[in-house]
Protein backbone atom coordinates (compact mmCIF):
# COMPACT_ATOMS: atom_id res chain seq x y z
CA UNK A 1 -45.94 67.18 -150.18
CA UNK A 2 -43.29 67.75 -147.48
CA UNK A 3 -43.12 71.16 -145.89
CA UNK A 4 -39.94 73.12 -146.38
CA UNK A 5 -38.51 74.87 -143.35
CA UNK A 6 -36.39 77.97 -143.68
CA UNK A 7 -33.96 79.07 -141.01
CA UNK A 8 -33.75 82.75 -140.23
CA UNK A 9 -30.57 83.91 -138.50
CA UNK A 10 -30.92 86.86 -136.15
CA UNK A 11 -28.26 88.43 -134.00
CA UNK A 12 -28.65 88.00 -130.27
CA UNK A 13 -29.46 91.69 -129.90
CA UNK A 14 -32.19 91.55 -132.58
CA UNK A 15 -33.70 88.41 -131.09
CA UNK A 16 -33.68 89.75 -127.52
CA UNK A 17 -35.23 93.08 -128.56
CA UNK A 18 -38.05 91.37 -130.49
CA UNK A 19 -38.69 88.59 -127.97
CA UNK A 20 -38.55 90.30 -124.58
CA UNK A 21 -40.08 93.43 -123.10
CA UNK A 22 -38.06 96.16 -121.40
CA UNK A 23 -37.08 95.11 -117.92
CA UNK A 24 -37.11 91.39 -118.72
CA UNK A 25 -34.39 91.25 -121.39
CA UNK A 26 -31.60 88.77 -120.60
CA UNK A 27 -27.99 89.81 -121.01
CA UNK A 28 -26.17 88.77 -124.18
CA UNK A 29 -23.93 86.49 -122.13
CA UNK A 30 -26.98 84.63 -120.83
CA UNK A 31 -28.28 84.06 -124.37
CA UNK A 32 -24.82 82.85 -125.47
CA UNK A 33 -24.91 80.34 -122.60
CA UNK A 34 -28.35 79.16 -123.75
CA UNK A 35 -26.89 78.66 -127.24
CA UNK A 36 -23.83 76.82 -125.94
CA UNK A 37 -25.96 74.57 -123.70
CA UNK A 38 -28.37 73.74 -126.51
CA UNK A 39 -31.31 75.41 -124.77
CA UNK A 40 -31.68 77.69 -127.79
CA UNK A 41 -30.86 76.98 -131.44
CA UNK A 42 -28.19 79.06 -133.06
CA UNK A 43 -24.66 79.27 -134.34
CA UNK A 44 -21.55 81.39 -134.34
CA UNK A 45 -20.34 82.78 -137.65
CA UNK A 46 -16.97 84.43 -137.28
CA UNK A 47 -17.19 86.42 -134.06
CA UNK A 48 -20.97 86.93 -134.15
CA UNK A 49 -23.56 84.70 -132.49
CA UNK A 50 -26.93 84.16 -134.17
CA UNK A 51 -30.21 82.72 -132.94
CA UNK A 52 -31.87 80.42 -135.47
CA UNK A 53 -35.60 80.77 -135.99
CA UNK A 54 -37.39 78.18 -138.09
CA UNK A 55 -39.91 79.48 -140.57
CA UNK A 56 -42.26 77.59 -142.84
CA UNK A 57 -41.39 80.02 -145.61
CA UNK A 58 -43.38 81.09 -148.63
CA UNK A 59 -44.32 77.58 -149.71
CA UNK A 60 -46.57 77.07 -146.68
CA UNK A 61 -48.25 80.42 -147.30
CA UNK A 62 -49.02 79.43 -150.87
CA UNK A 63 -50.29 76.07 -149.66
CA UNK A 64 -52.60 77.71 -147.11
CA UNK A 65 -53.91 80.14 -149.74
CA UNK A 66 -54.67 77.41 -152.26
CA UNK A 67 -56.57 75.41 -149.61
CA UNK A 68 -58.96 78.29 -148.99
CA UNK A 69 -59.68 79.20 -152.62
């Protein structure tokens, strides 16, 4: 059975705050450049940039649970 991937969109600010520690956080402009260069997955919706995080979603959790029971 193929695994289903879910994409989670997070604003640049959310992503930076959850990914980096204080003192090592890149500026928003730097992250936008990473997105534009293809170094980081994401998209722009309207005027807001988002970082895309891939998630295996609930189906993989159910699959893992059923393997162990």
